[in-house]
Amino acid sequence: MRGYHDTIEPFPGNGNARNLVRTTIAVAAALVTCMAAAQAAEPISADQILNALTPRAATRSLSGQQSDTVAAPSADQSKFINSLRNRKTRSLTLDERQQLATIAKDRPSIDIEIEFAYNSAQIAPAAAPGVTALGKALSSPQLASSTFVIAGHTDGKGSDSYNQDLSERRAEAVKRYLVERYKLPAANLLAVGYGKTMLKNKDNAGAPENRRVQVVNTLDKNVAGR
C-alpha cells in the first residue's frame, strides 16, 4: 500500500507546472546564495575600523544634558594596563585575562574575521585586506598613541586547552604583523587569547564568525605620551 505522500501530488497531472515551480525556487535560492557570498566577501575598510575605534566626543543636547560617552580608564585600570605592556601573551593568567575583558567590555571595539591556515596561527593570504586595513587604521593620528587589546577567539570545536593555545598564538601573530609591517609600538598592543569562551554565535559553535580577532581601544594612552 502506498502512503499518503505517494498518492497526493501538489500539481496533479501537470508536470510542467511542477518543473516551473522547482526551477523558480532553485533560481531564487541561487540568487540569495550569491548575494550573501558577495556581501561576506566584501573586505572591511580602514575607515570602518577607524570609525569603530575612535571614541565619540562629548556633546550636549538642547536641554543641556551631556550625551553618553565612554569613560577613560580609572587609575587602577591604567596601572593594570601598564603592567601588561611587553608581557608575553601566554604569560597572562586567567584572572588577568578576565580583568582585561572587563575593562574592554564597554570600550570602542570591532570584530575582524582574519583567516588563518587550518589549525595554525599563520595568517592566510586571503586575510591580507583585513590586517592591512587594521594596520592603516591603528597608524592614523587619531589612534596612534592609544593602547589596544588584540583578542583572539576560536570556534567551539576542539578542547578548551587546544583552543586557548591557538587563540593566543593567533592574537600574537596579528600583533607581530602590525609591529613588523606598520612599526606600531609593541607596548601599545596587548595580545590575549580567549579560546572558545566568548563565542559570537552561541547557537552554532562551529560558525566562521566565531573565528575572529577583536580589537579594543582601551582609551589608555601609551607611557611615552603621558
Protein backbone atom coordinates (compact mmCIF):
# COMPACT_ATOMS: atom_id res chain seq x y z
CA MET A 1 0.00 0.00 0.00
CA ARG A 2 1.28 3.44 -0.87
CA GLY A 3 1.46 6.08 1.83
CA TYR A 4 -0.25 9.45 1.86
CA HIS A 5 2.71 11.25 0.33
CA ASP A 6 2.80 8.73 -2.52
CA THR A 7 -0.80 9.32 -3.55
CA ILE A 8 -1.14 13.11 -3.28
CA GLU A 9 0.66 15.27 -5.87
CA PRO A 10 0.94 19.04 -5.43
CA PHE A 11 0.05 19.58 -9.09
CA PRO A 12 -1.89 16.51 -10.24
CA GLY A 13 -1.31 15.74 -13.88
CA ASN A 14 0.66 18.91 -14.53
CA GLY A 15 4.34 18.07 -14.81
CA ASN A 16 5.23 21.35 -16.49
CA ALA A 17 3.83 23.36 -13.60
CA ARG A 18 5.84 21.31 -11.10
CA ASN A 19 9.01 21.77 -13.09
CA LEU A 20 8.41 25.51 -13.37
CA VAL A 21 7.96 25.87 -9.62
CA ARG A 22 11.08 23.82 -8.91
CA THR A 23 13.12 25.87 -11.37
CA THR A 24 11.87 29.14 -9.89
CA ILE A 25 12.75 28.03 -6.37
CA ALA A 26 16.20 26.88 -7.45
CA VAL A 27 16.95 30.15 -9.22
CA ALA A 28 15.77 32.20 -6.22
CA ALA A 29 17.92 30.15 -3.84
CA ALA A 30 20.94 30.58 -6.09
CA LEU A 31 20.47 34.36 -6.20
CA VAL A 32 20.20 34.58 -2.42
CA THR A 33 23.34 32.48 -2.02
CA CYS A 34 25.29 34.63 -4.49
CA MET A 35 24.19 37.85 -2.79
CA ALA A 36 25.17 36.53 0.64
CA ALA A 37 28.55 35.38 -0.66
CA ALA A 38 29.20 38.76 -2.26
CA GLN A 39 28.37 40.57 0.98
CA ALA A 40 30.52 38.19 3.03
CA ALA A 41 33.45 38.64 0.65
CA GLU A 42 33.45 42.43 0.92
CA PRO A 43 36.59 43.32 2.92
CA ILE A 44 36.47 45.67 5.86
CA SER A 45 38.00 49.09 5.27
CA ALA A 46 40.44 51.13 7.32
CA ASP A 47 37.80 53.87 7.63
CA GLN A 48 35.31 51.40 9.13
CA ILE A 49 37.86 50.27 11.70
CA LEU A 50 38.89 53.84 12.46
CA ASN A 51 35.29 54.89 12.96
CA ALA A 52 34.57 51.95 15.27
CA LEU A 53 37.64 52.50 17.45
CA THR A 54 37.54 56.30 17.70
CA PRO A 55 35.75 57.40 20.89
CA ARG A 56 32.93 59.88 20.42
CA ALA A 57 33.50 63.41 21.63
CA ALA A 58 31.27 64.60 24.44
CA THR A 59 28.31 66.69 23.25
CA ARG A 60 25.40 68.40 24.92
CA SER A 61 21.78 68.30 23.85
CA LEU A 62 19.48 71.33 23.65
CA SER A 63 18.35 70.54 27.19
CA GLY A 64 21.92 70.87 28.42
CA GLN A 65 22.35 67.15 29.20
CA GLN A 66 25.63 65.57 28.16
CA SER A 67 25.42 62.58 25.84
CA ASP A 68 26.71 59.18 26.86
CA THR A 69 30.43 58.79 26.22
CA VAL A 70 32.91 56.08 27.14
CA ALA A 71 34.75 56.90 30.35
CA ALA A 72 38.54 56.83 30.42
CA PRO A 73 40.15 54.05 32.49
CA SER A 74 40.42 54.62 36.21
CA ALA A 75 43.82 55.00 37.85
CA ASP A 76 43.74 51.33 38.91
CA GLN A 77 42.77 50.21 35.42
CA SER A 78 45.54 52.26 33.82
CA LYS A 79 48.02 50.78 36.29
CA PHE A 80 46.86 47.29 35.37
CA ILE A 81 47.04 48.01 31.62
CA ASN A 82 50.58 49.34 32.03
CA SER A 83 51.57 46.18 33.90
CA LEU A 84 50.68 44.13 30.81
CA ARG A 85 52.85 46.08 28.38
CA ASN A 86 55.59 43.92 26.83
CA ARG A 87 54.22 40.83 28.59
CA LYS A 88 54.29 37.56 26.68
CA THR A 89 50.80 36.61 25.54
CA ARG A 90 50.96 33.16 27.09
CA SER A 91 52.13 34.57 30.43
CA LEU A 92 48.75 36.16 31.17
CA THR A 93 46.85 34.35 33.89
CA LEU A 94 43.15 33.54 33.78
CA ASP A 95 42.44 36.33 36.29
CA GLU A 96 44.40 38.83 34.19
CA ARG A 97 42.54 37.80 31.03
CA GLN A 98 39.21 38.21 32.78
CA GLN A 99 40.20 41.60 34.21
CA LEU A 100 41.27 42.78 30.76
CA ALA A 101 37.95 41.56 29.31
CA THR A 102 36.09 43.57 31.97
CA ILE A 103 37.98 46.74 31.07
CA ALA A 104 37.44 46.14 27.35
CA LYS A 105 33.73 45.38 27.69
CA ASP A 106 32.47 48.95 27.30
CA ARG A 107 35.30 50.32 25.17
CA PRO A 108 35.17 51.04 21.41
CA SER A 109 35.79 47.75 19.60
CA ILE A 110 35.41 45.90 16.33
CA ASP A 111 35.46 42.24 15.31
CA ILE A 112 37.60 41.38 12.30
CA GLU A 113 37.40 37.98 10.63
CA ILE A 114 41.01 37.12 9.86
CA GLU A 115 41.54 33.87 8.02
CA PHE A 116 44.34 31.64 9.28
CA ALA A 117 45.78 28.44 7.86
CA TYR A 118 43.92 25.38 9.18
CA ASN A 119 44.88 24.59 12.78
CA SER A 120 47.61 27.21 12.50
CA ALA A 121 48.50 30.74 13.59
CA GLN A 122 49.82 31.56 10.12
CA ILE A 123 47.83 34.42 8.60
CA ALA A 124 46.39 33.23 5.29
CA PRO A 125 46.86 35.29 2.10
CA ALA A 126 43.09 35.83 1.98
CA ALA A 127 43.35 37.76 5.26
CA ALA A 128 45.66 40.40 3.77
CA PRO A 129 42.92 43.03 3.20
CA GLY A 130 41.71 42.77 6.80
CA VAL A 131 45.09 43.03 8.51
CA THR A 132 46.19 45.74 6.07
CA ALA A 133 43.10 47.81 6.87
CA LEU A 134 43.74 47.27 10.59
CA GLY A 135 47.35 48.41 10.28
CA LYS A 136 46.35 51.56 8.42
CA ALA A 137 43.63 52.40 10.95
CA LEU A 138 45.85 51.94 14.00
CA SER A 139 48.54 54.07 12.34
CA SER A 140 46.21 57.04 11.97
CA PRO A 141 46.88 60.14 14.10
CA GLN A 142 43.57 59.68 15.95
CA LEU A 143 44.63 56.28 17.28
CA ALA A 144 48.41 56.26 17.05
CA SER A 145 49.06 56.78 20.78
CA SER A 146 46.30 54.60 22.22
CA THR A 147 46.66 51.16 23.75
CA PHE A 148 44.74 48.34 22.08
CA VAL A 149 43.70 44.85 23.06
CA ILE A 150 44.20 42.30 20.27
CA ALA A 151 41.96 39.43 21.41
CA GLY A 152 41.99 36.11 19.61
CA HIS A 153 38.88 33.92 19.54
CA THR A 154 38.27 30.45 18.11
CA ASP A 155 35.14 28.48 17.28
CA GLY A 156 33.76 25.84 19.63
CA LYS A 157 35.39 22.79 18.05
CA GLY A 158 38.13 21.00 19.96
CA SER A 159 39.25 21.05 23.57
CA ASP A 160 39.46 24.08 25.83
CA SER A 161 43.24 23.88 26.17
CA TYR A 162 43.81 23.47 22.43
CA ASN A 163 41.64 26.45 21.54
CA GLN A 164 43.15 28.60 24.27
CA ASP A 165 46.63 27.96 22.92
CA LEU A 166 45.52 28.53 19.32
CA SER A 167 43.78 31.81 20.14
CA GLU A 168 46.88 33.09 21.93
CA ARG A 169 49.15 32.23 19.01
CA ARG A 170 46.78 33.88 16.54
CA ALA A 171 46.49 37.06 18.60
CA GLU A 172 50.27 37.17 18.85
CA ALA A 173 50.59 36.65 15.07
CA VAL A 174 48.37 39.68 14.38
CA LYS A 175 50.33 41.78 16.88
CA ARG A 176 53.63 40.73 15.30
CA TYR A 177 52.30 41.61 11.84
CA LEU A 178 51.27 45.10 12.99
CA VAL A 179 54.61 45.72 14.69
CA GLU A 180 56.72 44.48 11.77
CA ARG A 181 54.70 45.91 8.88
CA TYR A 182 53.39 49.14 10.37
CA LYS A 183 56.02 49.82 13.04
CA LEU A 184 53.39 50.14 15.75
CA PRO A 185 54.88 50.14 19.29
CA ALA A 186 54.65 46.62 20.69
CA ALA A 187 53.88 48.04 24.13
CA ASN A 188 50.66 49.58 22.75
CA LEU A 189 49.29 46.22 21.62
CA LEU A 190 48.13 43.80 24.31
CA ALA A 191 47.70 40.37 22.72
CA VAL A 192 45.41 37.99 24.59
CA GLY A 193 43.63 34.75 23.77
CA TYR A 194 40.18 33.68 24.94
CA GLY A 195 39.85 30.37 23.12
CA LYS A 196 36.23 29.36 22.73
CA THR A 197 35.00 31.06 25.92
CA MET A 198 33.37 34.03 24.11
CA LEU A 199 31.53 32.61 21.12
CA LYS A 200 29.95 35.30 18.97
CA ASN A 201 27.40 32.81 17.64
CA LYS A 202 26.48 30.65 20.61
CA ASP A 203 23.78 28.82 18.66
CA ASN A 204 26.34 27.50 16.18
CA ALA A 205 29.67 26.81 17.88
CA GLY A 206 31.35 25.97 14.59
CA ALA A 207 30.22 29.13 12.78
CA PRO A 208 33.03 31.04 11.00
CA GLU A 209 32.15 34.32 12.73
CA ASN A 210 33.39 32.77 15.97
CA ARG A 211 36.90 32.59 14.48
CA ARG A 212 37.83 36.23 14.79
CA VAL A 213 40.17 38.82 16.22
CA GLN A 214 38.57 41.52 18.36
CA VAL A 215 40.35 44.86 18.55
CA VAL A 216 39.52 47.11 21.51
CA ASN A 217 40.61 50.67 22.20
CA THR A 218 41.25 50.76 25.96
CA LEU A 219 41.35 54.61 25.78
CA ASP A 220 44.58 54.43 27.72
CA LYS A 221 47.50 56.41 26.26
CA ASN A 222 50.95 54.93 25.98
CA VAL A 223 53.52 55.66 28.66
CA ALA A 224 55.64 57.91 26.45
CA GLY A 225 52.62 60.12 25.76
CA ARG A 226 51.84 60.77 29.40
